[in-house]
Amino acid sequence: ASGHVNGLRWKNVPRLGEYLENGPWPPVVDVERVDAPTVAGEQFMLGLRLIEGLELGEVEQLLHSSGESQSGRRAAIGRHLDAGLLERRDDHLRLTRSGLMLANTVLEDLI
């Protein structure tokens, strides 16, 4: 099991026996602080895996919150829009039919 709260992500031990041996609180084996660009990349990955994609307002919020307002991800979105792999439709940014077939290529640029 794992969790994520206020920018911290952790993972519990993967073996049930060890988990149960350690009393009421499970032992944590990995903890990491997740920065804003990483969170934004993960949100792009998860949101664009949905058929409806991400709401355009959320896209702008992710770009702004991760300090990407004028750089990398915005340029990548533009390239993939021009290439026909992404589209703006019904106030959403989403993968096109062609983009679905090349989703990993698009997501690699946004993560």
PDB file of N, CA and C in Angstrom:
ATOM      1  N   ALA A   1       0.846  -1.186   0.000  1.00  0.00           N
ATOM      2  CA  ALA A   1       0.000   0.000   0.000  1.00  0.00           C
ATOM      3  C   ALA A   1       0.886   1.242   0.000  1.00  0.00           C
ATOM      4  N   SER A   2       0.328   2.308  -0.470  1.00  0.00           N
ATOM      5  CA  SER A   2       1.060   3.568  -0.472  1.00  0.00           C
ATOM      6  C   SER A   2       0.088   4.703  -0.188  1.00  0.00           C
ATOM      7  N   GLY A   3       0.643   5.871   0.063  1.00  0.00           N
ATOM      8  CA  GLY A   3      -0.187   7.032   0.347  1.00  0.00           C
ATOM      9  C   GLY A   3       0.480   8.296  -0.134  1.00  0.00           C
ATOM     10  N   HIS A   4      -0.309   9.370  -0.164  1.00  0.00           N
ATOM     11  CA  HIS A   4       0.188  10.660  -0.625  1.00  0.00           C
ATOM     12  C   HIS A   4      -0.606  11.752   0.068  1.00  0.00           C
ATOM     13  N   VAL A   5       0.077  12.590   0.840  1.00  0.00           N
ATOM     14  CA  VAL A   5      -0.577  13.694   1.546  1.00  0.00           C
ATOM     15  C   VAL A   5       0.371  14.882   1.575  1.00  0.00           C
ATOM     16  N   ASN A   6      -0.131  16.049   1.206  1.00  0.00           N
ATOM     17  CA  ASN A   6       0.608  17.312   1.319  1.00  0.00           C
ATOM     18  C   ASN A   6       2.025  17.242   0.747  1.00  0.00           C
ATOM     19  N   GLY A   7       2.158  16.663  -0.438  1.00  0.00           N
ATOM     20  CA  GLY A   7       3.458  16.639  -1.093  1.00  0.00           C
ATOM     21  C   GLY A   7       4.395  15.531  -0.645  1.00  0.00           C
ATOM     22  N   LEU A   8       3.960  14.672   0.259  1.00  0.00           N
ATOM     23  CA  LEU A   8       4.757  13.509   0.674  1.00  0.00           C
ATOM     24  C   LEU A   8       4.096  12.243   0.168  1.00  0.00           C
ATOM     25  N   ARG A   9       4.918  11.343  -0.361  1.00  0.00           N
ATOM     26  CA  ARG A   9       4.411  10.060  -0.837  1.00  0.00           C
ATOM     27  C   ARG A   9       5.224   8.981  -0.130  1.00  0.00           C
ATOM     28  N   TRP A  10       4.567   7.927   0.295  1.00  0.00           N
ATOM     29  CA  TRP A  10       5.266   6.844   0.982  1.00  0.00           C
ATOM     30  C   TRP A  10       4.721   5.500   0.520  1.00  0.00           C
ATOM     31  N   LYS A  11       5.511   4.473   0.809  1.00  0.00           N
ATOM     32  CA  LYS A  11       5.133   3.108   0.469  1.00  0.00           C
ATOM     33  C   LYS A  11       5.394   2.247   1.690  1.00  0.00           C
ATOM     34  N   ASN A  12       4.446   1.390   2.006  1.00  0.00           N
ATOM     35  CA  ASN A  12       4.607   0.443   3.101  1.00  0.00           C
ATOM     36  C   ASN A  12       5.345  -0.796   2.612  1.00  0.00           C
ATOM     37  N   VAL A  13       5.827  -1.594   3.552  1.00  0.00           N
ATOM     38  CA  VAL A  13       6.519  -2.829   3.172  1.00  0.00           C
ATOM     39  C   VAL A  13       5.593  -3.674   2.294  1.00  0.00           C
ATOM     40  N   PRO A  14       6.149  -4.361   1.312  1.00  0.00           N
ATOM     41  CA  PRO A  14       5.300  -5.098   0.375  1.00  0.00           C
ATOM     42  C   PRO A  14       4.852  -6.481   0.862  1.00  0.00           C
ATOM     43  N   ARG A  15       5.438  -6.984   1.944  1.00  0.00           N
ATOM     44  CA  ARG A  15       5.106  -8.325   2.411  1.00  0.00           C
ATOM     45  C   ARG A  15       4.107  -8.262   3.567  1.00  0.00           C
ATOM     46  N   LEU A  16       2.995  -8.967   3.411  1.00  0.00           N
ATOM     47  CA  LEU A  16       1.914  -8.920   4.392  1.00  0.00           C
ATOM     48  C   LEU A  16       2.382  -9.340   5.782  1.00  0.00           C
ATOM     49  N   GLY A  17       3.178 -10.391   5.871  1.00  0.00           N
ATOM     50  CA  GLY A  17       3.642 -10.857   7.173  1.00  0.00           C
ATOM     51  C   GLY A  17       4.407  -9.784   7.919  1.00  0.00           C
ATOM     52  N   GLU A  18       5.327  -9.126   7.250  1.00  0.00           N
ATOM     53  CA  GLU A  18       6.105  -8.056   7.876  1.00  0.00           C
ATOM     54  C   GLU A  18       5.202  -6.879   8.248  1.00  0.00           C
ATOM     55  N   TYR A  19       4.237  -6.599   7.402  1.00  0.00           N
ATOM     56  CA  TYR A  19       3.276  -5.528   7.659  1.00  0.00           C
ATOM     57  C   TYR A  19       2.520  -5.802   8.963  1.00  0.00           C
ATOM     58  N   LEU A  20       2.046  -7.027   9.111  1.00  0.00           N
ATOM     59  CA  LEU A  20       1.242  -7.391  10.279  1.00  0.00           C
ATOM     60  C   LEU A  20       2.077  -7.506  11.556  1.00  0.00           C
ATOM     61  N   GLU A  21       3.356  -7.807  11.453  1.00  0.00           N
ATOM     62  CA  GLU A  21       4.227  -7.974  12.625  1.00  0.00           C
ATOM     63  C   GLU A  21       4.558  -6.654  13.312  1.00  0.00           C
ATOM     64  N   ASN A  22       4.341  -5.552  12.693  1.00  0.00           N
ATOM     65  CA  ASN A  22       4.824  -4.288  13.201  1.00  0.00           C
ATOM     66  C   ASN A  22       3.788  -3.445  13.922  1.00  0.00           C
ATOM     67  N   GLY A  23       2.849  -4.092  14.562  1.00  0.00           N
ATOM     68  CA  GLY A  23       1.912  -3.371  15.414  1.00  0.00           C
ATOM     69  C   GLY A  23       0.870  -2.574  14.646  1.00  0.00           C
ATOM     70  N   PRO A  24       0.338  -1.581  15.314  1.00  0.00           N
ATOM     71  CA  PRO A  24      -0.784  -0.858  14.699  1.00  0.00           C
ATOM     72  C   PRO A  24      -0.369   0.039  13.526  1.00  0.00           C
ATOM     73  N   TRP A  25       0.915   0.401  13.444  1.00  0.00           N
ATOM     74  CA  TRP A  25       1.355   1.269  12.353  1.00  0.00           C
ATOM     75  C   TRP A  25       2.255   0.494  11.415  1.00  0.00           C
ATOM     76  N   PRO A  26       1.896   0.436  10.143  1.00  0.00           N
ATOM     77  CA  PRO A  26       2.713  -0.335   9.200  1.00  0.00           C
ATOM     78  C   PRO A  26       4.072   0.310   8.974  1.00  0.00           C
ATOM     79  N   PRO A  27       5.096  -0.518   8.758  1.00  0.00           N
ATOM     80  CA  PRO A  27       6.430   0.025   8.504  1.00  0.00           C
ATOM     81  C   PRO A  27       6.500   0.644   7.098  1.00  0.00           C
ATOM     82  N   VAL A  28       7.078   1.811   7.047  1.00  0.00           N
ATOM     83  CA  VAL A  28       7.235   2.533   5.790  1.00  0.00           C
ATOM     84  C   VAL A  28       8.628   2.250   5.243  1.00  0.00           C
ATOM     85  N   VAL A  29       8.722   1.936   3.950  1.00  0.00           N
ATOM     86  CA  VAL A  29      10.024   1.636   3.373  1.00  0.00           C
ATOM     87  C   VAL A  29      10.531   2.734   2.447  1.00  0.00           C
ATOM     88  N   ASP A  30       9.658   3.533   1.891  1.00  0.00           N
ATOM     89  CA  ASP A  30      10.071   4.619   0.999  1.00  0.00           C
ATOM     90  C   ASP A  30       9.248   5.864   1.299  1.00  0.00           C
ATOM     91  N   VAL A  31       9.936   6.987   1.381  1.00  0.00           N
ATOM     92  CA  VAL A  31       9.258   8.276   1.527  1.00  0.00           C
ATOM     93  C   VAL A  31       9.919   9.236   0.551  1.00  0.00           C
ATOM     94  N   GLU A  32       9.112  10.006  -0.146  1.00  0.00           N
ATOM     95  CA  GLU A  32       9.678  11.013  -1.036  1.00  0.00           C
ATOM     96  C   GLU A  32       8.815  12.264  -1.010  1.00  0.00           C
ATOM     97  N   ARG A  33       9.453  13.396  -1.157  1.00  0.00           N
ATOM     98  CA  ARG A  33       8.744  14.666  -1.316  1.00  0.00           C
ATOM     99  C   ARG A  33       8.533  14.858  -2.801  1.00  0.00           C
ATOM    100  N   VAL A  34       7.291  15.093  -3.181  1.00  0.00           N
ATOM    101  CA  VAL A  34       6.938  15.229  -4.586  1.00  0.00           C
ATOM    102  C   VAL A  34       6.805  16.717  -4.900  1.00  0.00           C
ATOM    103  N   ASP A  35       7.636  17.210  -5.830  1.00  0.00           N
ATOM    104  CA  ASP A  35       7.601  18.634  -6.165  1.00  0.00           C
ATOM    105  C   ASP A  35       6.506  18.928  -7.192  1.00  0.00           C
ATOM    106  N   ALA A  36       6.215  20.209  -7.379  1.00  0.00           N
ATOM    107  CA  ALA A  36       5.120  20.636  -8.255  1.00  0.00           C
ATOM    108  C   ALA A  36       5.277  20.152  -9.698  1.00  0.00           C
ATOM    109  N   PRO A  37       6.460  20.220 -10.315  1.00  0.00           N
ATOM    110  CA  PRO A  37       6.575  19.707 -11.677  1.00  0.00           C
ATOM    111  C   PRO A  37       6.279  18.209 -11.792  1.00  0.00           C
ATOM    112  N   THR A  38       6.683  17.439 -10.791  1.00  0.00           N
ATOM    113  CA  THR A  38       6.405  16.004 -10.803  1.00  0.00           C
ATOM    114  C   THR A  38       4.909  15.742 -10.673  1.00  0.00           C
ATOM    115  N   VAL A  39       4.262  16.455  -9.763  1.00  0.00           N
ATOM    116  CA  VAL A  39       2.809  16.313  -9.592  1.00  0.00           C
ATOM    117  C   VAL A  39       2.107  16.662 -10.896  1.00  0.00           C
ATOM    118  N   ALA A  40       2.518  17.754 -11.542  1.00  0.00           N
ATOM    119  CA  ALA A  40       1.892  18.164 -12.800  1.00  0.00           C
ATOM    120  C   ALA A  40       2.073  17.076 -13.861  1.00  0.00           C
ATOM    121  N   GLY A  41       3.266  16.527 -13.977  1.00  0.00           N
ATOM    122  CA  GLY A  41       3.507  15.469 -14.952  1.00  0.00           C
ATOM    123  C   GLY A  41       2.630  14.254 -14.710  1.00  0.00           C
ATOM    124  N   GLU A  42       2.487  13.886 -13.454  1.00  0.00           N
ATOM    125  CA  GLU A  42       1.643  12.742 -13.121  1.00  0.00           C
ATOM    126  C   GLU A  42       0.179  13.037 -13.417  1.00  0.00           C
ATOM    127  N   GLN A  43      -0.256  14.269 -13.173  1.00  0.00           N
ATOM    128  CA  GLN A  43      -1.636  14.640 -13.476  1.00  0.00           C
ATOM    129  C   GLN A  43      -1.902  14.612 -14.981  1.00  0.00           C
ATOM    130  N   PHE A  44      -0.933  15.073 -15.775  1.00  0.00           N
ATOM    131  CA  PHE A  44      -1.078  14.971 -17.228  1.00  0.00           C
ATOM    132  C   PHE A  44      -1.197  13.508 -17.646  1.00  0.00           C
ATOM    133  N   MET A  45      -0.331  12.654 -17.096  1.00  0.00           N
ATOM    134  CA  MET A  45      -0.353  11.246 -17.452  1.00  0.00           C
ATOM    135  C   MET A  45      -1.707  10.617 -17.113  1.00  0.00           C
ATOM    136  N   LEU A  46      -2.193  10.869 -15.912  1.00  0.00           N
ATOM    137  CA  LEU A  46      -3.454  10.261 -15.493  1.00  0.00           C
ATOM    138  C   LEU A  46      -4.634  10.850 -16.242  1.00  0.00           C
ATOM    139  N   GLY A  47      -4.644  12.171 -16.426  1.00  0.00           N
ATOM    140  CA  GLY A  47      -5.774  12.822 -17.086  1.00  0.00           C
ATOM    141  C   GLY A  47      -5.881  12.490 -18.562  1.00  0.00           C
ATOM    142  N   LEU A  48      -4.761  12.410 -19.246  1.00  0.00           N
ATOM    143  CA  LEU A  48      -4.803  12.133 -20.678  1.00  0.00           C
ATOM    144  C   LEU A  48      -5.035  10.658 -20.985  1.00  0.00           C
ATOM    145  N   ARG A  49      -5.016   9.831 -19.975  1.00  0.00           N
ATOM    146  CA  ARG A  49      -5.374   8.421 -20.176  1.00  0.00           C
ATOM    147  C   ARG A  49      -6.890   8.257 -20.246  1.00  0.00           C
ATOM    148  N   LEU A  50      -7.622   9.285 -19.847  1.00  0.00           N
ATOM    149  CA  LEU A  50      -9.083   9.259 -19.925  1.00  0.00           C
ATOM    150  C   LEU A  50      -9.522   9.696 -21.313  1.00  0.00           C
ATOM    151  N   ILE A  51     -10.590   9.126 -21.825  1.00  0.00           N
ATOM    152  CA  ILE A  51     -11.088   9.486 -23.153  1.00  0.00           C
ATOM    153  C   ILE A  51     -11.417  10.974 -23.219  1.00  0.00           C
ATOM    154  N   GLU A  52     -12.033  11.517 -22.160  1.00  0.00           N
ATOM    155  CA  GLU A  52     -12.390  12.947 -22.191  1.00  0.00           C
ATOM    156  C   GLU A  52     -11.189  13.856 -21.958  1.00  0.00           C
ATOM    157  N   GLY A  53     -10.088  13.323 -21.458  1.00  0.00           N
ATOM    158  CA  GLY A  53      -8.885  14.114 -21.240  1.00  0.00           C
ATOM    159  C   GLY A  53      -8.977  15.003 -20.022  1.00  0.00           C
ATOM    160  N   LEU A  54      -8.260  16.114 -20.078  1.00  0.00           N
ATOM    161  CA  LEU A  54      -8.193  17.082 -18.978  1.00  0.00           C
ATOM    162  C   LEU A  54      -8.951  18.351 -19.356  1.00  0.00           C
ATOM    163  N   GLU A  55      -9.655  18.922 -18.396  1.00  0.00           N
ATOM    164  CA  GLU A  55     -10.296  20.212 -18.639  1.00  0.00           C
ATOM    165  C   GLU A  55      -9.212  21.248 -18.919  1.00  0.00           C
ATOM    166  N   LEU A  56      -9.481  22.144 -19.854  1.00  0.00           N
ATOM    167  CA  LEU A  56      -8.490  23.164 -20.223  1.00  0.00           C
ATOM    168  C   LEU A  56      -8.092  24.016 -19.030  1.00  0.00           C
ATOM    169  N   GLY A  57      -9.022  24.311 -18.142  1.00  0.00           N
ATOM    170  CA  GLY A  57      -8.690  25.073 -16.938  1.00  0.00           C
ATOM    171  C   GLY A  57      -7.697  24.329 -16.060  1.00  0.00           C
ATOM    172  N   GLU A  58      -7.842  23.026 -15.974  1.00  0.00           N
ATOM    173  CA  GLU A  58      -6.902  22.225 -15.184  1.00  0.00           C
ATOM    174  C   GLU A  58      -5.530  22.195 -15.859  1.00  0.00           C
ATOM    175  N   VAL A  59      -5.517  22.131 -17.190  1.00  0.00           N
ATOM    176  CA  VAL A  59      -4.254  22.158 -17.931  1.00  0.00           C
ATOM    177  C   VAL A  59      -3.509  23.451 -17.602  1.00  0.00           C
ATOM    178  N   GLU A  60      -4.204  24.572 -17.670  1.00  0.00           N
ATOM    179  CA  GLU A  60      -3.562  25.856 -17.371  1.00  0.00           C
ATOM    180  C   GLU A  60      -3.084  25.921 -15.931  1.00  0.00           C
ATOM    181  N   GLN A  61      -3.876  25.398 -15.019  1.00  0.00           N
ATOM    182  CA  GLN A  61      -3.486  25.380 -13.603  1.00  0.00           C
ATOM    183  C   GLN A  61      -2.231  24.534 -13.402  1.00  0.00           C
ATOM    184  N   LEU A  62      -2.159  23.379 -14.043  1.00  0.00           N
ATOM    185  CA  LEU A  62      -0.981  22.523 -13.919  1.00  0.00           C
ATOM    186  C   LEU A  62       0.248  23.193 -14.501  1.00  0.00           C
ATOM    187  N   LEU A  63       0.098  23.830 -15.653  1.00  0.00           N
ATOM    188  CA  LEU A  63       1.229  24.520 -16.262  1.00  0.00           C
ATOM    189  C   LEU A  63       1.714  25.654 -15.366  1.00  0.00           C
ATOM    190  N   HIS A  64       0.783  26.415 -14.816  1.00  0.00           N
ATOM    191  CA  HIS A  64       1.140  27.549 -13.960  1.00  0.00           C
ATOM    192  C   HIS A  64       1.759  27.080 -12.637  1.00  0.00           C
ATOM    193  N   SER A  65       1.140  26.095 -12.004  1.00  0.00           N
ATOM    194  CA  SER A  65       1.604  25.662 -10.676  1.00  0.00           C
ATOM    195  C   SER A  65       2.977  25.011 -10.724  1.00  0.00           C
ATOM    196  N   SER A  66       3.340  24.466 -11.883  1.00  0.00           N
ATOM    197  CA  SER A  66       4.634  23.799 -11.980  1.00  0.00           C
ATOM    198  C   SER A  66       5.700  24.698 -12.596  1.00  0.00           C
ATOM    199  N   GLY A  67       5.375  25.989 -12.785  1.00  0.00           N
ATOM    200  CA  GLY A  67       6.343  26.919 -13.342  1.00  0.00           C
ATOM    201  C   GLY A  67       6.567  26.701 -14.828  1.00  0.00           C
ATOM    202  N   GLU A  68       5.590  26.164 -15.504  1.00  0.00           N
ATOM    203  CA  GLU A  68       5.742  25.800 -16.907  1.00  0.00           C
ATOM    204  C   GLU A  68       4.990  26.752 -17.838  1.00  0.00           C
ATOM    205  N   SER A  69       4.661  27.931 -17.372  1.00  0.00           N
ATOM    206  CA  SER A  69       3.784  28.789 -18.165  1.00  0.00           C
ATOM    207  C   SER A  69       4.367  29.177 -19.513  1.00  0.00           C
ATOM    208  N   GLN A  70       5.675  29.230 -19.665  1.00  0.00           N
ATOM    209  CA  GLN A  70       6.263  29.661 -20.933  1.00  0.00           C
ATOM    210  C   GLN A  70       7.257  28.656 -21.495  1.00  0.00           C
ATOM    211  N   SER A  71       7.257  27.414 -21.021  1.00  0.00           N
ATOM    212  CA  SER A  71       8.347  26.538 -21.448  1.00  0.00           C
ATOM    213  C   SER A  71       7.907  25.146 -21.830  1.00  0.00           C
ATOM    214  N   GLY A  72       8.693  24.172 -21.465  1.00  0.00           N
ATOM    215  CA  GLY A  72       8.646  22.780 -21.878  1.00  0.00           C
ATOM    216  C   GLY A  72       7.309  22.142 -22.172  1.00  0.00           C
ATOM    217  N   ARG A  73       6.459  22.012 -21.190  1.00  0.00           N
ATOM    218  CA  ARG A  73       5.201  21.307 -21.398  1.00  0.00           C
ATOM    219  C   ARG A  73       4.286  22.061 -22.347  1.00  0.00           C
ATOM    220  N   ARG A  74       4.257  23.382 -22.244  1.00  0.00           N
ATOM    221  CA  ARG A  74       3.407  24.169 -23.141  1.00  0.00           C
ATOM    222  C   ARG A  74       3.859  23.966 -24.590  1.00  0.00           C
ATOM    223  N   ALA A  75       5.165  23.978 -24.831  1.00  0.00           N
ATOM    224  CA  ALA A  75       5.688  23.747 -26.179  1.00  0.00           C
ATOM    225  C   ALA A  75       5.358  22.337 -26.652  1.00  0.00           C
ATOM    226  N   ALA A  76       5.467  21.357 -25.768  1.00  0.00           N
ATOM    227  CA  ALA A  76       5.156  19.973 -26.129  1.00  0.00           C
ATOM    228  C   ALA A  76       3.681  19.837 -26.501  1.00  0.00           C
ATOM    229  N   ILE A  77       2.818  20.483 -25.743  1.00  0.00           N
ATOM    230  CA  ILE A  77       1.387  20.446 -26.070  1.00  0.00           C
ATOM    231  C   ILE A  77       1.164  21.038 -27.456  1.00  0.00           C
ATOM    232  N   GLY A  78       1.799  22.161 -27.731  1.00  0.00           N
ATOM    233  CA  GLY A  78       1.672  22.787 -29.046  1.00  0.00           C
ATOM    234  C   GLY A  78       2.139  21.870 -30.166  1.00  0.00           C
ATOM    235  N   ARG A  79       3.262  21.208 -29.981  1.00  0.00           N
ATOM    236  CA  ARG A  79       3.779  20.284 -31.001  1.00  0.00           C
ATOM    237  C   ARG A  79       2.809  19.136 -31.255  1.00  0.00           C
ATOM    238  N   HIS A  80       2.249  18.604 -30.176  1.00  0.00           N
ATOM    239  CA  HIS A  80       1.345  17.461 -30.331  1.00  0.00           C
ATOM    240  C   HIS A  80      -0.014  17.887 -30.871  1.00  0.00           C
ATOM    241  N   LEU A  81      -0.436  19.116 -30.594  1.00  0.00           N
ATOM    242  CA  LEU A  81      -1.642  19.651 -31.237  1.00  0.00           C
ATOM    243  C   LEU A  81      -1.403  19.775 -32.744  1.00  0.00           C
ATOM    244  N   ASP A  82      -0.264  20.356 -33.117  1.00  0.00           N
ATOM    245  CA  ASP A  82       0.078  20.528 -34.533  1.00  0.00           C
ATOM    246  C   ASP A  82       0.213  19.192 -35.259  1.00  0.00           C
ATOM    247  N   ALA A  83       0.715  18.190 -34.558  1.00  0.00           N
ATOM    248  CA  ALA A  83       0.915  16.868 -35.164  1.00  0.00           C
ATOM    249  C   ALA A  83      -0.372  16.046 -35.208  1.00  0.00           C
ATOM    250  N   GLY A  84      -1.436  16.564 -34.591  1.00  0.00           N
ATOM    251  CA  GLY A  84      -2.707  15.843 -34.600  1.00  0.00           C
ATOM    252  C   GLY A  84      -2.800  14.733 -33.583  1.00  0.00           C
ATOM    253  N   LEU A  85      -1.932  14.755 -32.576  1.00  0.00           N
ATOM    254  CA  LEU A  85      -1.979  13.736 -31.525  1.00  0.00           C
ATOM    255  C   LEU A  85      -2.797  14.186 -30.324  1.00  0.00           C
ATOM    256  N   LEU A  86      -2.919  15.495 -30.150  1.00  0.00           N
ATOM    257  CA  LEU A  86      -3.771  16.090 -29.120  1.00  0.00           C
ATOM    258  C   LEU A  86      -4.780  16.994 -29.805  1.00  0.00           C
ATOM    259  N   GLU A  87      -5.915  17.202 -29.125  1.00  0.00           N
ATOM    260  CA  GLU A  87      -6.908  18.139 -29.624  1.00  0.00           C
ATOM    261  C   GLU A  87      -7.586  18.839 -28.451  1.00  0.00           C
ATOM    262  N   ARG A  88      -8.071  20.049 -28.736  1.00  0.00           N
ATOM    263  CA  ARG A  88      -8.925  20.764 -27.792  1.00  0.00           C
ATOM    264  C   ARG A  88     -10.349  20.521 -28.256  1.00  0.00           C
ATOM    265  N   ARG A  89     -11.138  19.925 -27.375  1.00  0.00           N
ATOM    266  CA  ARG A  89     -12.511  19.601 -27.750  1.00  0.00           C
ATOM    267  C   ARG A  89     -13.386  19.653 -26.519  1.00  0.00           C
ATOM    268  N   ASP A  90     -14.504  20.334 -26.624  1.00  0.00           N
ATOM    269  CA  ASP A  90     -15.459  20.437 -25.510  1.00  0.00           C
ATOM    270  C   ASP A  90     -14.776  20.903 -24.227  1.00  0.00           C
ATOM    271  N   ASP A  91     -13.965  21.949 -24.328  1.00  0.00           N
ATOM    272  CA  ASP A  91     -13.250  22.512 -23.177  1.00  0.00           C
ATOM    273  C   ASP A  91     -12.301  21.528 -22.500  1.00  0.00           C
ATOM    274  N   HIS A  92     -11.792  20.589 -23.273  1.00  0.00           N
ATOM    275  CA  HIS A  92     -10.843  19.602 -22.765  1.00  0.00           C
ATOM    276  C   HIS A  92      -9.652  19.493 -23.715  1.00  0.00           C
ATOM    277  N   LEU A  93      -8.540  19.098 -23.155  1.00  0.00           N
ATOM    278  CA  LEU A  93      -7.379  18.685 -23.935  1.00  0.00           C
ATOM    279  C   LEU A  93      -7.365  17.172 -23.867  1.00  0.00           C
ATOM    280  N   ARG A  94      -7.346  16.535 -25.036  1.00  0.00           N
ATOM    281  CA  ARG A  94      -7.396  15.080 -25.039  1.00  0.00           C
ATOM    282  C   ARG A  94      -6.600  14.525 -26.204  1.00  0.00           C
ATOM    283  N   LEU A  95      -6.297  13.246 -26.100  1.00  0.00           N
ATOM    284  CA  LEU A  95      -5.618  12.547 -27.182  1.00  0.00           C
ATOM    285  C   LEU A  95      -6.608  12.331 -28.325  1.00  0.00           C
ATOM    286  N   THR A  96      -6.140  12.476 -29.548  1.00  0.00           N
ATOM    287  CA  THR A  96      -6.946  12.145 -30.714  1.00  0.00           C
ATOM    288  C   THR A  96      -6.905  10.631 -30.910  1.00  0.00           C
ATOM    289  N   ARG A  97      -7.624  10.160 -31.912  1.00  0.00           N
ATOM    290  CA  ARG A  97      -7.576   8.721 -32.222  1.00  0.00           C
ATOM    291  C   ARG A  97      -6.134   8.312 -32.531  1.00  0.00           C
ATOM    292  N   SER A  98      -5.442   9.115 -33.329  1.00  0.00           N
ATOM    293  CA  SER A  98      -4.026   8.833 -33.622  1.00  0.00           C
ATOM    294  C   SER A  98      -3.183   8.957 -32.363  1.00  0.00           C
ATOM    295  N   GLY A  99      -3.508   9.946 -31.532  1.00  0.00           N
ATOM    296  CA  GLY A  99      -2.773  10.149 -30.291  1.00  0.00           C
ATOM    297  C   GLY A  99      -2.916   8.991 -29.328  1.00  0.00           C
ATOM    298  N   LEU A 100      -4.076   8.337 -29.338  1.00  0.00           N
ATOM    299  CA  LEU A 100      -4.264   7.168 -28.479  1.00  0.00           C
ATOM    300  C   LEU A 100      -3.277   6.067 -28.836  1.00  0.00           C
ATOM    301  N   MET A 101      -2.985   5.942 -30.133  1.00  0.00           N
ATOM    302  CA  MET A 101      -2.045   4.918 -30.576  1.00  0.00           C
ATOM    303  C   MET A 101      -0.601   5.278 -30.222  1.00  0.00           C
ATOM    304  N   LEU A 102      -0.345   6.559 -30.006  1.00  0.00           N
ATOM    305  CA  LEU A 102       1.009   7.034 -29.683  1.00  0.00           C
ATOM    306  C   LEU A 102       1.033   7.743 -28.330  1.00  0.00           C
ATOM    307  N   ALA A 103       0.163   7.316 -27.441  1.00  0.00           N
ATOM    308  CA  ALA A 103       0.016   7.983 -26.150  1.00  0.00           C
ATOM    309  C   ALA A 103       1.324   8.054 -25.372  1.00  0.00           C
ATOM    310  N   ASN A 104       2.116   7.003 -25.399  1.00  0.00           N
ATOM    311  CA  ASN A 104       3.371   7.018 -24.643  1.00  0.00           C
ATOM    312  C   ASN A 104       4.315   8.093 -25.149  1.00  0.00           C
ATOM    313  N   THR A 105       4.319   8.345 -26.443  1.00  0.00           N
ATOM    314  CA  THR A 105       5.151   9.398 -27.014  1.00  0.00           C
ATOM    315  C   THR A 105       4.723  10.763 -26.498  1.00  0.00           C
ATOM    316  N   VAL A 106       3.420  10.998 -26.483  1.00  0.00           N
ATOM    317  CA  VAL A 106       2.881  12.268 -25.993  1.00  0.00           C
ATOM    318  C   VAL A 106       3.163  12.405 -24.506  1.00  0.00           C
ATOM    319  N   LEU A 107       2.848  11.384 -23.749  1.00  0.00           N
ATOM    320  CA  LEU A 107       3.009  11.453 -22.293  1.00  0.00           C
ATOM    321  C   LEU A 107       4.457  11.600 -21.879  1.00  0.00           C
ATOM    322  N   GLU A 108       5.364  11.011 -22.615  1.00  0.00           N
ATOM    323  CA  GLU A 108       6.789  11.143 -22.315  1.00  0.00           C
ATOM    324  C   GLU A 108       7.190  12.620 -22.304  1.00  0.00           C
ATOM    325  N   ASP A 109       6.644  13.389 -23.219  1.00  0.00           N
ATOM    326  CA  ASP A 109       6.965  14.827 -23.293  1.00  0.00           C
ATOM    327  C   ASP A 109       6.299  15.641 -22.184  1.00  0.00           C
ATOM    328  N   LEU A 110       5.249  15.099 -21.579  1.00  0.00           N
ATOM    329  CA  LEU A 110       4.507  15.848 -20.566  1.00  0.00           C
ATOM    330  C   LEU A 110       4.823  15.427 -19.140  1.00  0.00           C
ATOM    331  N   ILE A 111       5.461  14.302 -18.993  1.00  0.00           N
ATOM    332  CA  ILE A 111       5.820  13.840 -17.648  1.00  0.00           C
ATOM    333  C   ILE A 111       7.091  14.531 -17.261  1.00  0.00           C
TER     334      ILE A 111
END
